[in-house]
PDB file of N, CA and C in Angstrom:
ATOM      1  N   UNK A   1      77.372 -33.800  18.965  1.00  0.00           N
ATOM      2  CA  UNK A   1      77.580 -33.033  19.661  1.00  0.00           C
ATOM      3  C   UNK A   1      78.256 -32.566  20.747  1.00  0.00           C
ATOM      4  N   UNK A   2      78.458 -31.549  20.960  1.00  0.00           N
ATOM      5  CA  UNK A   2      79.761 -31.470  22.052  1.00  0.00           C
ATOM      6  C   UNK A   2      79.288 -31.659  23.314  1.00  0.00           C
ATOM      7  N   UNK A   3      80.935 -32.290  24.131  1.00  0.00           N
ATOM      8  CA  UNK A   3      80.558 -32.589  25.741  1.00  0.00           C
ATOM      9  C   UNK A   3      81.845 -31.874  26.149  1.00  0.00           C
ATOM     10  N   UNK A   4      81.697 -31.041  27.425  1.00  0.00           N
ATOM     11  CA  UNK A   4      82.937 -30.937  27.827  1.00  0.00           C
ATOM     12  C   UNK A   4      82.630 -31.004  29.349  1.00  0.00           C
ATOM     13  N   UNK A   5      83.805 -31.327  29.849  1.00  0.00           N
ATOM     14  CA  UNK A   5      84.453 -31.607  31.209  1.00  0.00           C
ATOM     15  C   UNK A   5      85.027 -30.666  31.591  1.00  0.00           C
ATOM     16  N   UNK A   6      84.896 -30.935  33.213  1.00  0.00           N
ATOM     17  CA  UNK A   6      85.257 -29.716  33.912  1.00  0.00           C
ATOM     18  C   UNK A   6      86.456 -30.560  34.858  1.00  0.00           C
ATOM     19  N   UNK A   7      87.288 -29.718  35.125  1.00  0.00           N
ATOM     20  CA  UNK A   7      88.109 -30.671  36.337  1.00  0.00           C
ATOM     21  C   UNK A   7      88.247 -28.986  37.709  1.00  0.00           C
ATOM     22  N   UNK A   8      88.584 -29.421  38.590  1.00  0.00           N
ATOM     23  CA  UNK A   8      89.156 -28.422  39.602  1.00  0.00           C
ATOM     24  C   UNK A   8      90.759 -28.098  40.178  1.00  0.00           C
ATOM     25  N   UNK A   9      91.439 -27.219  39.868  1.00  0.00           N
ATOM     26  CA  UNK A   9      92.142 -27.505  40.207  1.00  0.00           C
ATOM     27  C   UNK A   9      92.707 -26.587  41.414  1.00  0.00           C
ATOM     28  N   UNK A  10      93.686 -26.681  41.922  1.00  0.00           N
ATOM     29  CA  UNK A  10      94.376 -25.007  43.207  1.00  0.00           C
ATOM     30  C   UNK A  10      95.592 -24.654  42.404  1.00  0.00           C
ATOM     31  N   UNK A  11      95.889 -24.007  42.233  1.00  0.00           N
ATOM     32  CA  UNK A  11      97.549 -23.160  41.657  1.00  0.00           C
ATOM     33  C   UNK A  11      97.730 -22.282  43.364  1.00  0.00           C
ATOM     34  N   UNK A  12      99.080 -22.530  43.485  1.00  0.00           N
ATOM     35  CA  UNK A  12      99.784 -21.858  44.291  1.00  0.00           C
ATOM     36  C   UNK A  12     100.937 -20.998  43.329  1.00  0.00           C
ATOM     37  N   UNK A  13     101.097 -19.422  44.588  1.00  0.00           N
ATOM     38  CA  UNK A  13     102.429 -18.678  43.866  1.00  0.00           C
ATOM     39  C   UNK A  13     102.696 -17.865  45.234  1.00  0.00           C
ATOM     40  N   UNK A  14     104.260 -17.214  44.585  1.00  0.00           N
ATOM     41  CA  UNK A  14     104.592 -16.410  46.210  1.00  0.00           C
ATOM     42  C   UNK A  14     103.543 -14.971  45.528  1.00  0.00           C
ATOM     43  N   UNK A  15     103.874 -15.070  44.365  1.00  0.00           N
ATOM     44  CA  UNK A  15     103.272 -13.810  43.991  1.00  0.00           C
ATOM     45  C   UNK A  15     102.175 -12.841  44.206  1.00  0.00           C
ATOM     46  N   UNK A  16     100.874 -13.932  43.484  1.00  0.00           N
ATOM     47  CA  UNK A  16      99.707 -12.985  43.719  1.00  0.00           C
ATOM     48  C   UNK A  16      98.843 -14.153  43.746  1.00  0.00           C
ATOM     49  N   UNK A  17      97.542 -13.501  43.589  1.00  0.00           N
ATOM     50  CA  UNK A  17      96.089 -14.689  43.188  1.00  0.00           C
ATOM     51  C   UNK A  17      96.417 -14.636  41.789  1.00  0.00           C
ATOM     52  N   UNK A  18      96.391 -13.902  41.170  1.00  0.00           N
ATOM     53  CA  UNK A  18      96.317 -13.561  39.963  1.00  0.00           C
ATOM     54  C   UNK A  18      97.485 -15.182  39.336  1.00  0.00           C
ATOM     55  N   UNK A  19      98.353 -14.993  39.872  1.00  0.00           N
ATOM     56  CA  UNK A  19     100.033 -15.819  39.530  1.00  0.00           C
ATOM     57  C   UNK A  19      99.262 -17.043  40.055  1.00  0.00           C
ATOM     58  N   UNK A  20      98.765 -17.066  41.138  1.00  0.00           N
ATOM     59  CA  UNK A  20      98.533 -18.650  41.178  1.00  0.00           C
ATOM     60  C   UNK A  20      97.215 -19.536  40.452  1.00  0.00           C
ATOM     61  N   UNK A  21      96.326 -18.512  39.599  1.00  0.00           N
ATOM     62  CA  UNK A  21      95.662 -18.748  39.180  1.00  0.00           C
ATOM     63  C   UNK A  21      96.145 -19.447  37.434  1.00  0.00           C
ATOM     64  N   UNK A  22      97.219 -18.323  37.374  1.00  0.00           N
ATOM     65  CA  UNK A  22      97.845 -19.368  36.026  1.00  0.00           C
ATOM     66  C   UNK A  22      98.606 -20.245  36.503  1.00  0.00           C
ATOM     67  N   UNK A  23      99.404 -20.163  37.578  1.00  0.00           N
ATOM     68  CA  UNK A  23     100.375 -21.363  37.230  1.00  0.00           C
ATOM     69  C   UNK A  23      99.331 -22.519  37.606  1.00  0.00           C
ATOM     70  N   UNK A  24      97.971 -22.831  37.689  1.00  0.00           N
ATOM     71  CA  UNK A  24      96.976 -24.126  37.524  1.00  0.00           C
ATOM     72  C   UNK A  24      96.717 -24.431  35.867  1.00  0.00           C
ATOM     73  N   UNK A  25      96.823 -22.737  35.127  1.00  0.00           N
ATOM     74  CA  UNK A  25      96.008 -23.363  33.849  1.00  0.00           C
ATOM     75  C   UNK A  25      97.035 -23.839  33.258  1.00  0.00           C
ATOM     76  N   UNK A  26      98.935 -23.273  33.920  1.00  0.00           N
ATOM     77  CA  UNK A  26     100.155 -23.914  32.698  1.00  0.00           C
ATOM     78  C   UNK A  26     100.312 -24.985  33.728  1.00  0.00           C
ATOM     79  N   UNK A  27      99.858 -25.387  34.395  1.00  0.00           N
ATOM     80  CA  UNK A  27     100.133 -26.833  34.579  1.00  0.00           C
ATOM     81  C   UNK A  27      98.874 -28.525  34.114  1.00  0.00           C
ATOM     82  N   UNK A  28      97.671 -27.205  33.495  1.00  0.00           N
ATOM     83  CA  UNK A  28      97.113 -28.254  33.461  1.00  0.00           C
ATOM     84  C   UNK A  28      96.949 -28.489  31.501  1.00  0.00           C
ATOM     85  N   UNK A  29      97.311 -27.052  31.317  1.00  0.00           N
ATOM     86  CA  UNK A  29      97.875 -26.740  29.366  1.00  0.00           C
ATOM     87  C   UNK A  29      98.895 -27.803  29.223  1.00  0.00           C
ATOM     88  N   UNK A  30      99.515 -28.660  30.178  1.00  0.00           N
ATOM     89  CA  UNK A  30     100.634 -29.803  29.829  1.00  0.00           C
ATOM     90  C   UNK A  30     100.032 -30.822  29.253  1.00  0.00           C
ATOM     91  N   UNK A  31      98.964 -30.925  30.325  1.00  0.00           N
ATOM     92  CA  UNK A  31      98.500 -32.899  29.697  1.00  0.00           C
ATOM     93  C   UNK A  31      97.508 -32.522  29.596  1.00  0.00           C
ATOM     94  N   UNK A  32      96.388 -31.100  29.404  1.00  0.00           N
ATOM     95  CA  UNK A  32      95.097 -31.469  29.039  1.00  0.00           C
ATOM     96  C   UNK A  32      95.266 -30.418  27.269  1.00  0.00           C
ATOM     97  N   UNK A  33      94.526 -31.169  26.317  1.00  0.00           N
ATOM     98  CA  UNK A  33      94.435 -30.074  25.110  1.00  0.00           C
ATOM     99  C   UNK A  33      93.146 -30.408  25.368  1.00  0.00           C
ATOM    100  N   UNK A  34      92.115 -28.306  24.578  1.00  0.00           N
ATOM    101  CA  UNK A  34      91.190 -28.313  24.144  1.00  0.00           C
ATOM    102  C   UNK A  34      90.688 -27.432  25.174  1.00  0.00           C
ATOM    103  N   UNK A  35      91.373 -26.499  26.096  1.00  0.00           N
ATOM    104  CA  UNK A  35      90.932 -26.083  26.704  1.00  0.00           C
ATOM    105  C   UNK A  35      90.190 -24.889  26.349  1.00  0.00           C
ATOM    106  N   UNK A  36      88.432 -24.749  27.036  1.00  0.00           N
ATOM    107  CA  UNK A  36      87.488 -23.394  26.870  1.00  0.00           C
ATOM    108  C   UNK A  36      87.140 -22.476  27.660  1.00  0.00           C
ATOM    109  N   UNK A  37      87.870 -22.770  28.921  1.00  0.00           N
ATOM    110  CA  UNK A  37      87.529 -21.849  29.903  1.00  0.00           C
ATOM    111  C   UNK A  37      88.312 -21.892  30.615  1.00  0.00           C
ATOM    112  N   UNK A  38      87.818 -21.022  32.150  1.00  0.00           N
ATOM    113  CA  UNK A  38      89.278 -21.090  32.953  1.00  0.00           C
ATOM    114  C   UNK A  38      88.307 -20.384  34.296  1.00  0.00           C
ATOM    115  N   UNK A  39      87.502 -21.098  35.139  1.00  0.00           N
ATOM    116  CA  UNK A  39      86.713 -19.638  35.887  1.00  0.00           C
ATOM    117  C   UNK A  39      87.436 -20.031  37.164  1.00  0.00           C
ATOM    118  N   UNK A  40      87.742 -18.667  37.974  1.00  0.00           N
ATOM    119  CA  UNK A  40      88.359 -18.626  39.152  1.00  0.00           C
ATOM    120  C   UNK A  40      87.174 -18.865  40.585  1.00  0.00           C
ATOM    121  N   UNK A  41      87.184 -19.957  41.416  1.00  0.00           N
ATOM    122  CA  UNK A  41      86.261 -20.116  42.096  1.00  0.00           C
ATOM    123  C   UNK A  41      86.321 -19.229  43.479  1.00  0.00           C
ATOM    124  N   UNK A  42      87.731 -19.081  43.737  1.00  0.00           N
ATOM    125  CA  UNK A  42      88.063 -18.373  45.006  1.00  0.00           C
ATOM    126  C   UNK A  42      89.433 -18.307  45.078  1.00  0.00           C
ATOM    127  N   UNK A  43      89.928 -17.643  46.244  1.00  0.00           N
ATOM    128  CA  UNK A  43      91.199 -16.833  46.140  1.00  0.00           C
ATOM    129  C   UNK A  43      91.828 -16.807  47.427  1.00  0.00           C
ATOM    130  N   UNK A  44      92.550 -17.235  48.384  1.00  0.00           N
ATOM    131  CA  UNK A  44      93.165 -17.273  49.713  1.00  0.00           C
ATOM    132  C   UNK A  44      94.450 -16.965  49.958  1.00  0.00           C
ATOM    133  N   UNK A  45      94.779 -17.021  51.343  1.00  0.00           N
ATOM    134  CA  UNK A  45      96.395 -16.837  51.162  1.00  0.00           C
ATOM    135  C   UNK A  45      96.605 -17.832  52.415  1.00  0.00           C
ATOM    136  N   UNK A  46      97.341 -19.043  52.623  1.00  0.00           N
ATOM    137  CA  UNK A  46      97.710 -20.042  53.616  1.00  0.00           C
ATOM    138  C   UNK A  46      99.414 -20.003  53.412  1.00  0.00           C
ATOM    139  N   UNK A  47      99.539 -20.763  54.545  1.00  0.00           N
ATOM    140  CA  UNK A  47     101.147 -21.206  54.698  1.00  0.00           C
ATOM    141  C   UNK A  47     101.332 -21.018  56.329  1.00  0.00           C
ATOM    142  N   UNK A  48     102.237 -21.535  57.058  1.00  0.00           N
ATOM    143  CA  UNK A  48     103.041 -20.574  58.249  1.00  0.00           C
ATOM    144  C   UNK A  48     102.826 -18.973  58.620  1.00  0.00           C
ATOM    145  N   UNK A  49     102.989 -18.545  57.330  1.00  0.00           N
ATOM    146  CA  UNK A  49     103.555 -16.815  57.536  1.00  0.00           C
ATOM    147  C   UNK A  49     102.787 -16.528  56.383  1.00  0.00           C
ATOM    148  N   UNK A  50     101.521 -17.005  56.056  1.00  0.00           N
ATOM    149  CA  UNK A  50     100.335 -16.498  55.201  1.00  0.00           C
ATOM    150  C   UNK A  50     101.329 -15.571  54.209  1.00  0.00           C
ATOM    151  N   UNK A  51     102.035 -16.394  53.362  1.00  0.00           N
ATOM    152  CA  UNK A  51     102.897 -16.083  52.468  1.00  0.00           C
ATOM    153  C   UNK A  51     102.764 -16.301  51.010  1.00  0.00           C
ATOM    154  N   UNK A  52     101.406 -17.695  50.986  1.00  0.00           N
ATOM    155  CA  UNK A  52     101.504 -18.223  49.959  1.00  0.00           C
ATOM    156  C   UNK A  52     100.329 -18.261  49.373  1.00  0.00           C
ATOM    157  N   UNK A  53      99.590 -17.430  48.207  1.00  0.00           N
ATOM    158  CA  UNK A  53      98.771 -17.100  47.717  1.00  0.00           C
ATOM    159  C   UNK A  53      98.040 -18.185  46.573  1.00  0.00           C
ATOM    160  N   UNK A  54      96.668 -18.813  46.876  1.00  0.00           N
ATOM    161  CA  UNK A  54      96.078 -20.025  46.005  1.00  0.00           C
ATOM    162  C   UNK A  54      95.037 -19.338  45.647  1.00  0.00           C
ATOM    163  N   UNK A  55      94.713 -19.770  44.488  1.00  0.00           N
ATOM    164  CA  UNK A  55      93.794 -19.741  43.665  1.00  0.00           C
ATOM    165  C   UNK A  55      93.272 -21.196  42.940  1.00  0.00           C
ATOM    166  N   UNK A  56      91.708 -21.594  43.441  1.00  0.00           N
ATOM    167  CA  UNK A  56      91.077 -22.485  43.287  1.00  0.00           C
ATOM    168  C   UNK A  56      90.306 -22.403  41.850  1.00  0.00           C
ATOM    169  N   UNK A  57      90.521 -23.201  40.933  1.00  0.00           N
ATOM    170  CA  UNK A  57      89.667 -23.265  39.292  1.00  0.00           C
ATOM    171  C   UNK A  57      89.201 -24.118  38.999  1.00  0.00           C
ATOM    172  N   UNK A  58      88.261 -23.634  37.821  1.00  0.00           N
ATOM    173  CA  UNK A  58      87.521 -24.769  37.262  1.00  0.00           C
ATOM    174  C   UNK A  58      88.178 -24.463  35.942  1.00  0.00           C
ATOM    175  N   UNK A  59      88.575 -25.693  35.421  1.00  0.00           N
ATOM    176  CA  UNK A  59      88.907 -25.581  33.989  1.00  0.00           C
ATOM    177  C   UNK A  59      88.225 -26.480  32.887  1.00  0.00           C
ATOM    178  N   UNK A  60      87.478 -26.182  32.006  1.00  0.00           N
ATOM    179  CA  UNK A  60      86.692 -26.898  31.107  1.00  0.00           C
ATOM    180  C   UNK A  60      87.082 -27.001  29.985  1.00  0.00           C
ATOM    181  N   UNK A  61      87.101 -28.268  29.165  1.00  0.00           N
ATOM    182  CA  UNK A  61      88.101 -28.464  28.366  1.00  0.00           C
ATOM    183  C   UNK A  61      86.992 -29.797  27.373  1.00  0.00           C
ATOM    184  N   UNK A  62      87.408 -29.925  26.118  1.00  0.00           N
ATOM    185  CA  UNK A  62      86.232 -30.652  25.098  1.00  0.00           C
ATOM    186  C   UNK A  62      86.791 -32.178  25.102  1.00  0.00           C
ATOM    187  N   UNK A  63      85.585 -32.673  25.713  1.00  0.00           N
ATOM    188  CA  UNK A  63      86.282 -33.820  25.426  1.00  0.00           C
ATOM    189  C   UNK A  63      85.836 -34.600  23.994  1.00  0.00           C
ATOM    190  N   UNK A  64      87.429 -35.502  23.468  1.00  0.00           N
ATOM    191  CA  UNK A  64      87.742 -36.114  22.414  1.00  0.00           C
ATOM    192  C   UNK A  64      86.432 -37.401  22.376  1.00  0.00           C
ATOM    193  N   UNK A  65      86.543 -37.388  20.826  1.00  0.00           N
ATOM    194  CA  UNK A  65      86.075 -39.144  20.973  1.00  0.00           C
ATOM    195  C   UNK A  65      85.608 -39.413  18.918  1.00  0.00           C
ATOM    196  N   UNK A  66      84.372 -40.271  19.357  1.00  0.00           N
ATOM    197  CA  UNK A  66      83.583 -40.569  17.999  1.00  0.00           C
ATOM    198  C   UNK A  66      82.990 -39.735  17.200  1.00  0.00           C
ATOM    199  N   UNK A  67      82.603 -38.907  16.890  1.00  0.00           N
ATOM    200  CA  UNK A  67      81.468 -38.442  16.549  1.00  0.00           C
ATOM    201  C   UNK A  67      80.462 -39.352  16.327  1.00  0.00           C
ATOM    202  N   UNK A  68      79.121 -39.239  16.344  1.00  0.00           N
ATOM    203  CA  UNK A  68      77.863 -40.356  16.335  1.00  0.00           C
ATOM    204  C   UNK A  68      77.145 -39.516  15.456  1.00  0.00           C
ATOM    205  N   UNK A  69      76.516 -40.254  14.396  1.00  0.00           N
ATOM    206  CA  UNK A  69      75.788 -39.278  13.368  1.00  0.00           C
ATOM    207  C   UNK A  69      74.247 -39.754  13.780  1.00  0.00           C
TER     208      UNK A  69
END
């Protein structure tokens, strides 16, 4: 049986919303193994000068554990 866990992250970038999503994924890859999917939930622009792109993403990864027969 496979179990997948989903977490939500917000990445930011001064370049683009796509880069903000990539930044979130890069950070997740530093501490999470077996990432299987990344879904972009929403994007936006923030900051006092509206110069910070953001991407709200859901990261799905396999939960590791003992196999049960």
